[in-house]
Every structure is written in C-alpha cells, then in structure tokens.
C-alpha cells in the first residue's frame, strides 16, 4: 500500500510514507500533513491518514506523508507533543519531505500541492508560507492559525502574504477551533494578500467532519461534498493524468 523512506531533519530521523498511483508517471504530487489523533504514535496506526493518502493516490497523485512527531519517542503522551510542538520544527519537516517528494523519479515537480486536516490543516497553511513552489493548498478545519507555537515564531496567519498558490478551505460551522469568525479572519488575510481562495462552510458539521473513524465527529454529507470539491480543485491546479472518482 505504501513505502517508507527516511530523511534527516535537524539531526532527527523522520519517516515519510509514500503512496503511488498506477502507471510510471511523471505524476502530480501531494505533500500531506497529518492530523494528531492516533497518528502521534506512528502513521501506521492512523486509519484516517493512511486511507485518505491512498485515496488521493488512487486519483492520480504521488502522496508523501511525513511523520511530524518524530521529535519525541512514539510512546510519549500526546499532551507532551502538543505542548512542545514548534512551528520552526514543522517548517523544517515539511521542507525536508517536500525535497524528498520532489526528487522522486515518478513525480512532476511542476505539479505539487499541499493538503492537511485538523492539526495538519494548520501545518499545511504554515508550510505553504515557506514553499513557494507549491501550486495548490487545500486546508481542512485547521485551527490555531492565529497562534504561534514555540518561542520566536509568529502566527501562520501573519505569514499569509508568502503563500504563492490558490487556496481551498473546508470548515464546519459548528466548530470552535477554527470558529466561523476564525474562518472569516483567514479569508480576510488571504484577500488582503491578493491570494485566490475558495472556502466551503457546512452547517451542522463540527471539527474533523471528514474523520470517519470517529463517528461522533464524522458528517458524511459534508465530507462527501468536500471530497468532491477538493478533487475538482486539485484537478484544476495540478491536472492529474487519470483521475478516479
């Protein structure tokens, strides 16, 4: 289903999970930032991330998912990883994974996008501010974009002007982080920076509405609509050679 490569990030070894479509390529590619639940102990334990990455691969993309919690032992508690996470580490993680993905022989380096859900939705926004080569950014209900993580860092929203690609975002109106007001602020920042963007907001849906392993959060109607819209967006921006449904 996937292969695993490793890269060195500031002296720490990071696993990168690679998913491939059928055919020799070159294919467009997606750098996918993981969310936190389950996956903080290893991506192989995260059904949502593995299934979603494979689904993108089935639609014609080479997908790379870096394990961004490599800074701690996998047995360390989630709370410790949340509290000690740093934006400069996340940027280094994404830059290293992007370089690995770009160098893959079946990747078209001119057609590379960024996707992330939840914690990964924030990481994806942050990464796009530091990866001007990206041709697309899709962010799903990323909270805390107005908050910096780690001393000396600035909130990702303050770096919005450095995003160099169109953006699509997906949010539940029952969410509190990001709240509808947060989403309005995200949109305002993109507008102020002159960045083309489209946001989809769903009544009755809360945070992590695509997270099917969590039935208390999953909202099928919103999830299905968002999936169709993100595939259409990526088709327009990255033009995969043989998209599936």
Protein backbone atom coordinates (compact mmCIF):
# COMPACT_ATOMS: atom_id res chain seq x y z
CA UNK A 1 0.00 0.00 0.00
CA UNK A 2 2.84 2.38 0.79
CA UNK A 3 6.61 2.54 1.15
CA UNK A 4 8.59 4.34 3.84
CA UNK A 5 11.70 6.45 3.37
CA UNK A 6 13.58 8.44 5.98
CA UNK A 7 15.12 11.89 5.97
CA UNK A 8 17.25 13.74 8.50
CA UNK A 9 15.63 16.86 9.95
CA UNK A 10 17.91 18.93 12.17
CA UNK A 11 19.55 15.78 13.47
CA UNK A 12 16.34 13.77 13.95
CA UNK A 13 15.27 10.91 11.68
CA UNK A 14 11.79 11.36 10.18
CA UNK A 15 9.77 8.70 8.40
CA UNK A 16 7.99 9.71 5.19
CA UNK A 17 5.18 7.47 3.96
CA UNK A 18 4.87 7.37 0.15
CA UNK A 19 1.73 6.36 -1.75
CA UNK A 20 1.72 5.93 -5.51
CA UNK A 21 -0.86 5.80 -8.29
CA UNK A 22 -0.78 3.28 -11.08
CA UNK A 23 1.49 3.94 -14.05
CA UNK A 24 5.04 5.15 -14.47
CA UNK A 25 4.37 8.89 -14.38
CA UNK A 26 5.54 11.51 -14.08
CA UNK A 27 2.57 12.22 -11.81
CA UNK A 28 1.48 15.31 -9.91
CA UNK A 29 2.22 15.08 -6.21
CA UNK A 30 0.72 15.99 -2.85
CA UNK A 31 2.55 16.68 0.38
CA UNK A 32 0.03 15.76 3.05
CA UNK A 33 0.33 16.96 6.65
CA UNK A 34 -1.03 14.50 9.19
CA UNK A 35 -3.51 15.22 11.93
CA UNK A 36 -2.86 14.31 15.57
CA UNK A 37 -5.37 11.64 16.77
CA UNK A 38 -3.89 8.14 16.81
CA UNK A 39 -1.17 9.10 14.36
CA UNK A 40 1.04 10.66 17.02
CA UNK A 41 2.26 7.15 17.87
CA UNK A 42 3.03 6.30 14.24
CA UNK A 43 1.28 6.85 10.94
CA UNK A 44 0.67 3.14 10.51
CA UNK A 45 -1.73 3.46 13.48
CA UNK A 46 -3.74 6.25 11.84
CA UNK A 47 -6.52 4.81 9.68
CA UNK A 48 -7.77 8.22 8.58
CA UNK A 49 -4.41 9.45 7.30
CA UNK A 50 -3.49 6.16 5.61
CA UNK A 51 -6.89 5.83 3.93
CA UNK A 52 -7.01 9.47 2.81
CA UNK A 53 -3.50 9.40 1.38
CA UNK A 54 -4.30 6.20 -0.51
CA UNK A 55 -7.47 7.77 -1.84
CA UNK A 56 -5.50 10.69 -3.25
CA UNK A 57 -3.04 8.22 -4.79
CA UNK A 58 -5.94 6.33 -6.38
CA UNK A 59 -6.90 9.62 -8.01
CA UNK A 60 -3.55 10.03 -9.75
CA UNK A 61 -1.17 11.61 -7.22
CA UNK A 62 2.08 10.56 -5.61
CA UNK A 63 1.48 11.37 -1.94
CA UNK A 64 4.08 11.91 0.78
CA UNK A 65 3.03 11.99 4.44
CA UNK A 66 5.85 12.85 6.86
CA UNK A 67 5.60 11.62 10.44
CA UNK A 68 5.98 15.01 12.12
CA UNK A 69 6.02 13.68 15.69
CA UNK A 70 9.46 12.12 15.24
CA UNK A 71 10.91 14.63 17.70
CA UNK A 72 9.67 12.52 20.63
CA UNK A 73 9.63 8.80 21.40
CA UNK A 74 6.46 7.28 19.96
CA UNK A 75 5.45 6.20 23.45
CA UNK A 76 5.41 9.77 24.79
CA UNK A 77 1.92 11.12 25.56
CA UNK A 78 0.02 13.24 23.08
CA UNK A 79 -0.22 16.12 25.57
CA UNK A 80 3.58 16.42 25.72
CA UNK A 81 3.80 16.56 21.93
CA UNK A 82 1.10 19.21 21.71
CA UNK A 83 2.77 21.39 24.34
CA UNK A 84 6.29 21.09 22.94
CA UNK A 85 5.50 21.37 19.20
CA UNK A 86 7.26 24.20 17.42
CA UNK A 87 6.49 25.91 14.14
CA UNK A 88 10.14 26.05 13.11
CA UNK A 89 10.34 22.26 13.52
CA UNK A 90 7.20 21.80 11.41
CA UNK A 91 8.59 24.02 8.66
CA UNK A 92 11.82 22.01 8.63
CA UNK A 93 9.78 18.77 8.49
CA UNK A 94 7.73 19.97 5.53
CA UNK A 95 10.74 21.34 3.65
CA UNK A 96 12.59 18.03 4.06
CA UNK A 97 9.57 15.98 2.97
CA UNK A 98 8.94 18.31 0.04
CA UNK A 99 12.54 17.89 -1.14
CA UNK A 100 12.24 14.11 -0.90
CA UNK A 101 8.94 14.10 -2.81
CA UNK A 102 10.22 16.47 -5.48
CA UNK A 103 13.20 14.20 -6.12
CA UNK A 104 11.10 11.04 -6.65
CA UNK A 105 11.57 9.87 -10.27
CA UNK A 106 7.84 9.48 -10.92
CA UNK A 107 6.95 12.99 -9.69
CA UNK A 108 6.36 16.01 -11.91
CA UNK A 109 7.98 18.72 -9.77
CA UNK A 110 5.99 21.44 -11.54
CA UNK A 111 2.70 19.99 -10.23
CA UNK A 112 2.95 19.73 -6.46
CA UNK A 113 0.29 20.64 -3.89
CA UNK A 114 -0.23 20.66 -0.13
CA UNK A 115 -3.12 19.14 1.85
CA UNK A 116 -3.81 18.87 5.58
CA UNK A 117 -6.61 18.10 8.03
CA UNK A 118 -7.06 19.40 11.59
CA UNK A 119 -3.56 19.84 13.07
CA UNK A 120 -2.36 19.10 9.56
CA UNK A 121 -4.60 21.85 8.18
CA UNK A 122 -2.63 24.34 10.25
CA UNK A 123 0.68 22.73 9.29
CA UNK A 124 -0.33 22.87 5.62
CA UNK A 125 -1.05 26.62 5.83
CA UNK A 126 2.27 27.19 7.61
CA UNK A 127 4.16 25.06 5.11
CA UNK A 128 2.65 26.90 2.14
CA UNK A 129 4.09 30.11 3.55
CA UNK A 130 7.57 28.57 3.21
CA UNK A 131 7.20 26.52 0.00
CA UNK A 132 6.69 28.96 -2.89
CA UNK A 133 6.95 26.09 -5.38
CA UNK A 134 3.53 24.76 -4.35
CA UNK A 135 0.81 25.00 -6.99
CA UNK A 136 -2.14 24.38 -4.63
CA UNK A 137 -3.08 24.40 -0.95
CA UNK A 138 -6.10 22.55 0.47
CA UNK A 139 -6.68 23.03 4.19
CA UNK A 140 -9.38 21.27 6.21
CA UNK A 141 -10.53 22.81 9.50
CA UNK A 142 -7.08 23.89 10.63
CA UNK A 143 -7.29 25.69 13.96
CA UNK A 144 -4.80 27.95 15.76
CA UNK A 145 -3.61 29.62 12.55
CA UNK A 146 -3.73 32.89 14.50
CA UNK A 147 -1.45 31.40 17.19
CA UNK A 148 2.30 30.78 17.15
CA UNK A 149 3.80 27.56 18.51
CA UNK A 150 7.25 27.83 20.03
CA UNK A 151 9.24 30.83 21.25
CA UNK A 152 10.44 33.14 18.50
CA UNK A 153 7.83 32.04 15.97
CA UNK A 154 4.95 34.13 14.60
CA UNK A 155 1.35 33.07 13.93
CA UNK A 156 0.96 31.47 10.49
CA UNK A 157 -1.74 33.99 9.58
CA UNK A 158 0.91 36.72 9.74
CA UNK A 159 2.87 34.89 7.02
CA UNK A 160 -0.08 34.56 4.65
CA UNK A 161 1.42 37.01 2.13
CA UNK A 162 4.09 34.41 1.31
CA UNK A 163 1.58 31.86 0.01
CA UNK A 164 2.11 31.69 -3.75
CA UNK A 165 -0.74 29.42 -4.86
CA UNK A 166 -4.55 29.25 -4.86
CA UNK A 167 -6.17 28.00 -1.66
CA UNK A 168 -9.27 25.97 -0.90
CA UNK A 169 -10.57 25.54 2.64
CA UNK A 170 -13.24 23.40 4.32
CA UNK A 171 -14.85 24.21 7.68
CA UNK A 172 -17.74 23.14 9.88
CA UNK A 173 -19.91 25.95 11.17
CA UNK A 174 -20.32 24.13 14.49
CA UNK A 175 -16.55 24.13 15.02
CA UNK A 176 -14.98 26.27 17.74
CA UNK A 177 -11.33 25.98 16.62
CA UNK A 178 -11.46 27.29 13.99
CA UNK A 179 -14.69 29.13 14.70
CA UNK A 180 -16.68 30.80 11.89
CA UNK A 181 -15.07 34.08 12.99
CA UNK A 182 -11.62 32.50 12.68
CA UNK A 183 -12.53 31.35 9.18
CA UNK A 184 -13.63 34.88 8.30
CA UNK A 185 -10.26 36.13 9.55
CA UNK A 186 -8.44 33.53 7.46
CA UNK A 187 -10.35 34.65 4.38
CA UNK A 188 -9.63 38.31 5.13
CA UNK A 189 -5.90 37.58 5.40
CA UNK A 190 -5.90 35.80 2.04
CA UNK A 191 -7.90 38.60 0.44
CA UNK A 192 -5.53 41.23 1.83
CA UNK A 193 -2.61 39.28 0.34
CA UNK A 194 -4.33 39.00 -3.05
CA UNK A 195 -4.46 35.21 -2.90
CA UNK A 196 -7.22 33.47 -4.81
CA UNK A 197 -9.20 31.28 -2.45
CA UNK A 198 -12.49 29.48 -2.01
CA UNK A 199 -13.88 28.39 1.35
CA UNK A 200 -16.68 25.87 1.88
CA UNK A 201 -18.52 26.00 5.21
CA UNK A 202 -21.04 23.41 6.37
CA UNK A 203 -23.99 23.89 8.68
CA UNK A 204 -24.44 21.02 11.13
CA UNK A 205 -20.79 19.93 10.83
CA UNK A 206 -18.18 20.41 13.52
CA UNK A 207 -14.46 19.83 13.78
CA UNK A 208 -12.92 16.86 11.95
CA UNK A 209 -16.08 16.20 9.95
CA UNK A 210 -14.14 14.00 7.50
CA UNK A 211 -12.66 11.81 10.22
CA UNK A 212 -14.65 8.63 9.52
CA UNK A 213 -13.02 6.54 12.31
CA UNK A 214 -14.67 8.91 14.80
CA UNK A 215 -18.45 8.57 14.25
CA UNK A 216 -19.18 11.28 16.80
CA UNK A 217 -17.40 13.77 14.52
CA UNK A 218 -17.93 12.35 11.04
CA UNK A 219 -20.51 14.18 8.91
CA UNK A 220 -21.00 12.19 5.72
CA UNK A 221 -22.80 14.83 3.68
CA UNK A 222 -20.21 17.50 4.41
CA UNK A 223 -17.36 15.02 3.96
CA UNK A 224 -18.59 13.80 0.58
CA UNK A 225 -19.13 17.35 -0.68
CA UNK A 226 -15.68 18.43 0.50
CA UNK A 227 -14.04 15.40 -1.09
CA UNK A 228 -15.63 16.16 -4.47
CA UNK A 229 -14.62 19.81 -4.23
CA UNK A 230 -11.02 19.14 -3.26
CA UNK A 231 -10.58 16.66 -6.10
CA UNK A 232 -12.01 19.20 -8.54
CA UNK A 233 -9.67 21.89 -7.14
CA UNK A 234 -6.63 19.64 -7.44
CA UNK A 235 -7.69 18.60 -10.93
CA UNK A 236 -7.74 22.25 -11.95
CA UNK A 237 -4.48 23.21 -10.26
CA UNK A 238 -2.38 20.07 -10.65
CA UNK A 239 -4.12 18.29 -13.55
CA UNK A 240 -3.59 14.59 -12.71
CA UNK A 241 -3.34 12.37 -15.76
CA UNK A 242 -6.06 9.83 -14.93
CA UNK A 243 -8.33 10.90 -12.05
CA UNK A 244 -10.68 8.36 -10.49
CA UNK A 245 -13.95 9.03 -8.68
